[in-house]
Protein backbone atom coordinates (compact mmCIF):
# COMPACT_ATOMS: atom_id res chain seq x y z
CA MET A 1 0.00 0.00 0.00
CA LYS A 2 1.08 3.55 -0.53
CA LEU A 3 2.19 5.84 2.25
CA GLN A 4 -0.78 7.31 4.08
CA ARG A 5 -1.41 10.91 3.18
CA PHE A 6 0.21 13.64 5.18
CA ALA A 7 -1.97 15.69 7.55
CA LEU A 8 -1.76 18.84 5.53
CA ALA A 9 -5.23 20.00 4.41
CA LEU A 10 -6.30 16.84 2.66
CA ALA A 11 -8.70 17.16 -0.24
CA GLY A 12 -11.42 15.14 1.46
CA VAL A 13 -11.34 16.30 5.05
CA GLY A 14 -11.59 20.08 4.94
CA MET A 15 -14.12 22.75 5.56
CA VAL A 16 -13.81 25.03 2.58
CA ALA A 17 -16.68 24.43 0.18
CA ALA A 18 -17.96 26.59 -2.66
CA THR A 19 -17.54 29.54 -0.33
CA ALA A 20 -14.91 29.82 2.35
CA ALA A 21 -16.34 28.31 5.49
CA SER A 22 -15.80 29.11 9.13
CA VAL A 23 -13.73 26.71 11.21
CA PRO A 24 -15.13 25.81 14.62
CA ALA A 25 -13.22 27.18 17.58
CA SER A 26 -13.57 23.84 19.36
CA ALA A 27 -10.75 22.15 17.44
CA GLN A 28 -8.79 19.99 19.87
CA PRO A 29 -5.04 20.46 20.40
CA SER A 30 -2.74 17.78 19.02
CA PRO A 31 0.71 16.62 20.14
CA LYS A 32 3.65 18.71 19.03
CA PRO A 33 4.46 17.68 15.45
CA THR A 34 7.73 16.03 14.45
CA TRP A 35 9.36 15.08 11.14
CA SER A 36 8.96 11.33 11.70
CA SER A 37 6.94 9.08 9.41
CA LYS A 38 4.95 7.73 12.36
CA ALA A 39 3.91 11.26 13.28
CA VAL A 40 2.93 11.93 9.67
CA GLN A 41 0.60 8.92 9.59
CA SER A 42 -0.79 9.59 13.07
CA ASN A 43 -1.57 13.21 12.22
CA THR A 44 -3.24 12.10 9.00
CA ALA A 45 -5.68 9.92 10.90
CA LYS A 46 -6.43 12.68 13.39
CA ALA A 47 -7.05 15.21 10.64
CA ALA A 48 -9.42 12.85 8.84
CA THR A 49 -11.35 12.23 12.06
CA ALA A 50 -11.55 15.87 13.14
CA GLY A 51 -12.19 17.27 9.67
CA THR A 52 -9.60 19.96 10.30
CA CYS A 53 -7.86 22.01 7.62
CA LEU A 54 -4.13 22.43 8.05
CA ASN A 55 -1.20 24.19 6.46
CA SER A 56 2.15 22.50 7.00
CA VAL A 57 4.93 24.94 6.23
CA ALA A 58 8.72 24.65 6.02
CA LEU A 59 10.73 27.74 6.95
CA PRO A 60 14.17 27.55 5.27
CA SER A 61 16.59 30.24 6.38
CA ALA A 62 19.84 32.00 5.51
CA SER A 63 21.53 29.71 8.07
CA PRO A 64 21.67 25.90 8.01
CA ILE A 65 18.40 25.66 9.99
CA VAL A 66 14.93 24.73 8.71
CA ASN A 67 11.92 24.97 11.00
CA GLY A 68 8.59 23.30 10.37
CA MET A 69 5.14 24.43 11.45
CA ASP A 70 1.60 23.02 11.40
CA ILE A 71 -1.07 25.72 11.28
CA THR A 72 -4.61 24.63 12.13
CA ALA A 73 -7.41 26.73 10.66
CA GLY A 74 -9.44 28.63 13.24
CA ASN A 75 -10.25 32.03 14.67
CA PRO A 76 -7.45 32.65 15.44
CA PRO A 77 -5.25 30.00 13.78
CA ARG A 78 -3.20 27.68 15.99
CA ALA A 79 0.50 27.16 15.26
CA GLU A 80 2.69 24.26 16.39
CA MET A 81 6.41 24.21 15.68
CA TYR A 82 8.13 20.98 14.71
CA ASP A 83 10.46 19.63 17.35
CA PRO A 84 13.35 19.74 16.81
CA PRO A 85 14.23 21.90 13.78
CA ILE A 86 16.51 20.56 11.06
CA ASP A 87 19.83 22.10 12.09
CA ASN A 88 22.14 20.56 9.47
CA PHE A 89 20.61 21.95 6.27
CA VAL A 90 22.29 24.69 4.16
CA ALA A 91 21.60 28.38 3.67
CA THR A 92 19.03 29.11 0.96
CA ARG A 93 17.43 32.20 -0.58
CA ALA A 94 14.43 30.77 -2.47
CA ASN A 95 12.65 27.44 -2.16
CA ALA A 96 9.95 25.32 -3.75
CA THR A 97 7.46 22.87 -2.20
CA TRP A 98 8.75 20.05 -0.01
CA TYR A 99 7.24 16.69 -1.08
CA TRP A 100 6.98 13.73 1.28
CA ALA A 101 7.62 10.33 -0.29
CA ALA A 102 8.72 6.78 0.47
CA ASN A 103 10.57 4.01 -1.30
CA ALA A 104 8.64 1.02 -2.68
CA ALA A 105 9.34 -1.10 0.39
CA LEU A 106 8.23 1.67 2.78
CA THR A 107 11.55 1.39 4.58
CA GLN A 108 12.81 4.90 3.78
CA PHE A 109 10.86 8.11 4.16
CA TYR A 110 12.05 11.45 2.94
CA TYR A 111 11.23 14.96 1.74
CA TYR A 112 12.53 16.30 -1.55
CA GLY A 113 12.43 19.68 -3.23
CA LEU A 114 14.37 22.40 -5.04
CA PHE A 115 16.07 25.51 -3.72
CA LEU A 116 18.35 28.35 -4.79
CA GLN A 117 21.66 29.12 -3.12
CA GLY A 118 23.26 32.17 -4.70
CA GLY A 119 23.16 31.58 -8.44
CA ASN A 120 22.85 27.80 -8.21
CA LEU A 121 19.84 25.48 -8.29
CA TYR A 122 19.92 22.47 -5.95
CA ARG A 123 17.75 19.50 -5.14
CA HIS A 124 17.59 18.27 -1.57
CA THR A 125 16.55 14.83 -0.38
CA THR A 126 16.02 14.92 3.37
CA TYR A 127 15.72 11.46 4.90
CA VAL A 128 13.61 11.11 8.03
CA PRO A 129 14.59 8.03 10.07
CA GLU A 130 12.55 7.11 13.13
CA ASN A 131 13.89 8.40 16.45
CA LYS A 132 16.80 10.19 14.78
CA PRO A 133 17.31 13.71 13.41
CA PRO A 134 16.54 14.27 9.70
CA VAL A 135 19.47 13.71 7.33
CA PRO A 136 19.52 16.17 4.40
CA THR A 137 21.52 15.49 1.24
CA PHE A 138 22.10 17.91 -1.63
CA LYS A 139 22.73 17.74 -5.36
CA ARG A 140 23.70 20.77 -7.45
CA ILE A 141 21.65 20.85 -10.64
CA GLY A 142 22.93 23.93 -12.44
CA SER A 143 24.03 27.56 -12.38
CA GLY A 144 22.67 30.76 -13.91
CA TRP A 145 19.91 31.41 -11.38
CA THR A 146 21.16 34.67 -9.88
CA SER A 147 18.42 36.78 -11.45
CA PHE A 148 15.56 34.50 -10.29
CA LYS A 149 13.71 35.81 -7.24
CA SER A 150 11.14 33.05 -6.67
CA ILE A 151 10.62 29.41 -7.70
CA ALA A 152 7.67 27.01 -7.53
CA THR A 153 7.01 23.44 -8.64
CA SER A 154 4.04 21.41 -9.86
CA ASN A 155 3.75 17.64 -9.55
CA TYR A 156 0.84 16.09 -11.45
CA ASN A 157 0.94 12.29 -11.16
CA LEU A 158 -2.66 11.05 -10.87
CA ALA A 159 -2.95 9.96 -14.51
CA GLN A 160 -1.31 10.21 -17.90
CA PRO A 161 0.10 12.46 -19.15
CA ARG A 162 1.99 13.13 -15.95
CA HIS A 163 4.15 16.22 -15.63
CA SER A 164 6.43 18.05 -13.23
CA TYR A 165 7.35 21.68 -13.90
CA LEU A 166 9.68 24.16 -12.30
CA TYR A 167 8.59 27.80 -12.54
CA GLY A 168 11.07 30.62 -12.04
CA LEU A 169 10.12 34.30 -11.64
CA ASN A 170 12.96 36.37 -13.08
CA SER A 171 13.82 39.97 -12.27
CA ASN A 172 13.79 40.65 -16.04
CA GLY A 173 9.98 40.47 -15.91
CA SER A 174 9.50 36.99 -17.37
CA LEU A 175 8.21 33.76 -15.89
CA TYR A 176 10.24 30.73 -17.02
CA ARG A 177 8.99 27.14 -17.13
CA TYR A 178 11.13 23.99 -17.12
CA ALA A 179 9.95 20.41 -17.57
CA MET A 180 11.52 18.10 -15.01
CA ILE A 181 12.31 14.88 -16.89
CA GLY A 182 14.10 12.18 -14.96
CA GLY A 183 17.01 13.88 -13.27
CA GLY A 184 17.21 16.75 -15.75
CA PHE A 185 15.39 19.87 -16.93
CA LYS A 186 14.14 21.02 -20.31
CA ALA A 187 13.65 24.76 -20.80
CA LEU A 188 10.24 25.58 -22.26
CA GLY A 189 10.89 29.27 -22.78
CA PRO A 190 9.98 32.52 -21.04
CA LEU A 191 6.50 33.95 -20.54
CA PRO A 192 6.74 37.77 -20.55
CA GLY A 193 4.58 40.24 -18.65
CA PHE A 194 5.42 39.44 -15.02
CA ARG A 195 7.63 42.38 -14.04
CA SER A 196 5.24 43.65 -11.34
CA PHE A 197 4.76 40.24 -9.70
CA ARG A 198 6.31 39.35 -6.38
CA ALA A 199 5.33 36.08 -4.64
CA MET A 200 4.04 32.88 -6.20
CA THR A 201 3.06 29.30 -5.53
CA VAL A 202 1.17 26.56 -7.37
CA ILE A 203 -2.55 26.28 -6.58
CA SER A 204 -3.70 23.73 -9.22
CA GLU A 205 -2.02 20.89 -11.12
CA THR A 206 -3.96 18.87 -13.68
CA ALA A 207 -3.23 16.83 -16.80
CA THR A 208 -3.82 19.87 -19.04
CA TYR A 209 -2.76 22.90 -17.01
CA ASP A 210 -1.11 24.30 -13.91
CA THR A 211 -2.32 27.38 -12.06
CA LEU A 212 -0.12 29.70 -10.05
CA LEU A 213 -1.32 32.03 -7.30
CA MET A 214 0.70 35.26 -7.50
CA THR A 215 0.85 38.66 -5.82
CA THR A 216 1.95 41.98 -7.30
CA ASN A 217 4.05 44.80 -5.84
CA THR A 218 0.92 46.97 -5.65
CA GLY A 219 -1.10 44.41 -3.67
CA GLY A 220 -3.00 42.49 -6.33
CA LEU A 221 -3.74 38.78 -6.06
CA TYR A 222 -4.00 36.82 -9.33
CA THR A 223 -4.33 33.32 -10.66
CA VAL A 224 -2.13 32.48 -13.65
CA HIS A 225 -3.57 29.57 -15.64
CA ILE A 226 -0.80 27.97 -17.72
CA PRO A 227 -1.79 25.24 -20.21
CA VAL A 228 0.54 22.28 -20.58
CA ALA A 229 0.32 22.48 -24.38
CA ALA A 230 3.45 23.95 -25.98
CA GLY A 231 3.01 27.54 -27.12
CA ALA A 232 -0.25 28.11 -25.20
CA LYS A 233 -0.57 31.51 -23.56
CA PRO A 234 -1.12 31.96 -19.81
CA VAL A 235 -4.46 33.38 -18.68
CA LEU A 236 -4.33 35.88 -15.80
CA LYS A 237 -7.38 36.50 -13.61
CA LEU A 238 -7.59 39.14 -10.91
CA ILE A 239 -8.89 37.87 -7.56
CA ARG A 240 -8.27 40.97 -5.42
CA SER A 241 -6.83 44.33 -6.48
CA THR A 242 -5.39 45.36 -3.10
CA GLY A 243 -4.34 44.01 0.27
CA TRP A 244 -1.54 41.60 -0.65
CA ALA A 245 1.44 43.93 -1.18
CA THR A 246 3.31 43.11 2.03
CA TYR A 247 3.48 39.37 1.46
CA ASP A 248 6.82 37.95 0.34
CA SER A 249 5.79 34.30 0.13
CA LEU A 250 2.67 32.15 -0.18
CA ALA A 251 2.09 28.54 0.91
CA VAL A 252 -1.07 26.81 -0.30
CA GLN A 253 -2.65 23.45 0.45
CA SER A 254 -5.99 21.94 -0.52
CA CYS A 255 -8.96 21.79 1.81
CA GLY A 256 -12.48 20.52 1.21
CA THR A 257 -14.05 18.50 -1.57
CA ARG A 258 -14.82 21.36 -3.97
CA GLY A 259 -11.40 22.82 -4.62
CA GLY A 260 -11.00 25.00 -1.54
CA SER A 261 -7.54 26.13 -0.47
CA MET A 262 -5.79 27.20 2.70
CA ILE A 263 -3.27 30.00 2.22
CA VAL A 264 -0.47 31.09 4.52
CA ALA A 265 0.84 34.51 3.45
CA VAL A 266 4.04 35.76 5.07
CA ASP A 267 5.49 39.23 5.54
CA ARG A 268 9.20 38.53 5.89
CA ASP A 269 10.06 42.03 7.13
CA THR A 270 7.87 41.71 10.22
CA LYS A 271 8.22 37.90 10.51
CA THR A 272 4.44 37.54 10.58
CA GLY A 273 2.11 35.13 8.81
CA TYR A 274 -1.62 35.22 8.13
CA GLN A 275 -3.97 32.38 7.24
CA TYR A 276 -6.80 32.56 4.70
CA ALA A 277 -9.40 30.13 3.36
CA MET A 278 -10.24 30.51 -0.32
CA SER A 279 -12.96 28.90 -2.39
CA LYS A 280 -12.18 27.43 -5.80
CA ALA A 281 -10.57 30.28 -7.71
CA ASN A 282 -12.99 32.14 -9.97
CA GLY A 283 -11.60 35.62 -10.55
CA THR A 284 -13.13 38.39 -8.46
CA ALA A 285 -16.01 36.05 -7.50
CA THR A 286 -13.58 33.98 -5.41
CA ALA A 287 -14.58 33.91 -1.74
CA ILE A 288 -11.78 34.55 0.78
CA THR A 289 -12.07 34.30 4.56
CA ALA A 290 -9.27 35.80 6.68
CA TYR A 291 -8.52 33.85 9.87
CA GLY A 292 -5.99 36.40 11.03
CA LYS A 293 -2.46 36.54 12.31
CA ILE A 294 -0.75 33.24 13.07
CA PRO A 295 0.67 33.26 16.63
CA ALA A 296 4.25 32.35 15.72
CA ALA A 297 7.40 34.04 14.44
CA PHE A 298 8.05 33.37 10.75
CA ASP A 299 11.83 33.44 10.74
CA GLY A 300 13.49 32.47 7.51
CA VAL A 301 14.09 33.76 4.01
CA ASP A 302 11.23 31.75 2.50
CA HIS A 303 8.13 29.76 3.44
CA VAL A 304 6.83 26.79 1.45
CA SER A 305 4.24 24.04 1.73
CA MET A 306 5.09 20.56 2.92
CA THR A 307 2.81 18.13 1.11
CA THR A 308 3.16 14.64 -0.34
CA ALA A 309 4.07 13.30 -3.74
CA TYR A 310 0.62 11.67 -3.86
CA ASP A 311 -1.70 14.68 -3.33
CA GLN A 312 -2.73 17.11 -6.05
CA LEU A 313 -3.74 20.76 -5.77
CA VAL A 314 -7.16 21.57 -7.23
CA GLY A 315 -7.59 25.24 -6.29
CA GLU A 316 -8.82 26.38 -9.71
């Protein structure tokens, strides 16, 4: 059997329906989360029973430390730091989603993902043995990434044709897409028109398209629908015209059975994060509920979702 799904805002256990729903204040506290596979599976069962929406967020930093945090939806949200942090990572400046996976025999459990260090792109594989600290390993993939200010990844694997893309937001105003094939990358060319955009993450991944959620320097919040077909043009839809200017990073996970999403938006300057519930994206008709400030310090240079290799985002 496959690894049980991580307790991260699972598609079938949430509370966001066609409109963003309220989360009951009676949610029960859970034990302090850890990186272990047993904790992952235990939290999954608890989330399914309680019907609670969660964001699980990694906080990579400019030092070799990575913190983790589970954020339970509520008024206000509840934050629980992972114990202990990963203290043998490397300094990073931009990061993409951390995916939880296991080998075929279910004897090794690990996270993997991409990050930027200076002008170089790396992949990390962070093994999580039981009752021992996580063991990160690193592989340099390539150089030439100095001008990229944000990266994000998609991971569609439910059916054929499967795809995995790396998106890079460049300071030259273009969004670049790369197909991840085996251990390599194939450049699919730049998409111009993104000079005013600031933070981004993937909100949907399907067989025919990916959708990014992006903010602008002036506070706009947009979806960017990008067809998989070669040469197809992205479709931008405004969700909100103001209110999102201070956020440097976004972390999104699914919640509910109708495409709802939980968003953690972080202001790096003040080290503060805010949680939102969002209905299935539909331009300015999208419903958003603000749950407020998350009671935890968001140290780090970046903030990204921790999900699994087996779950798909369906936010648009």
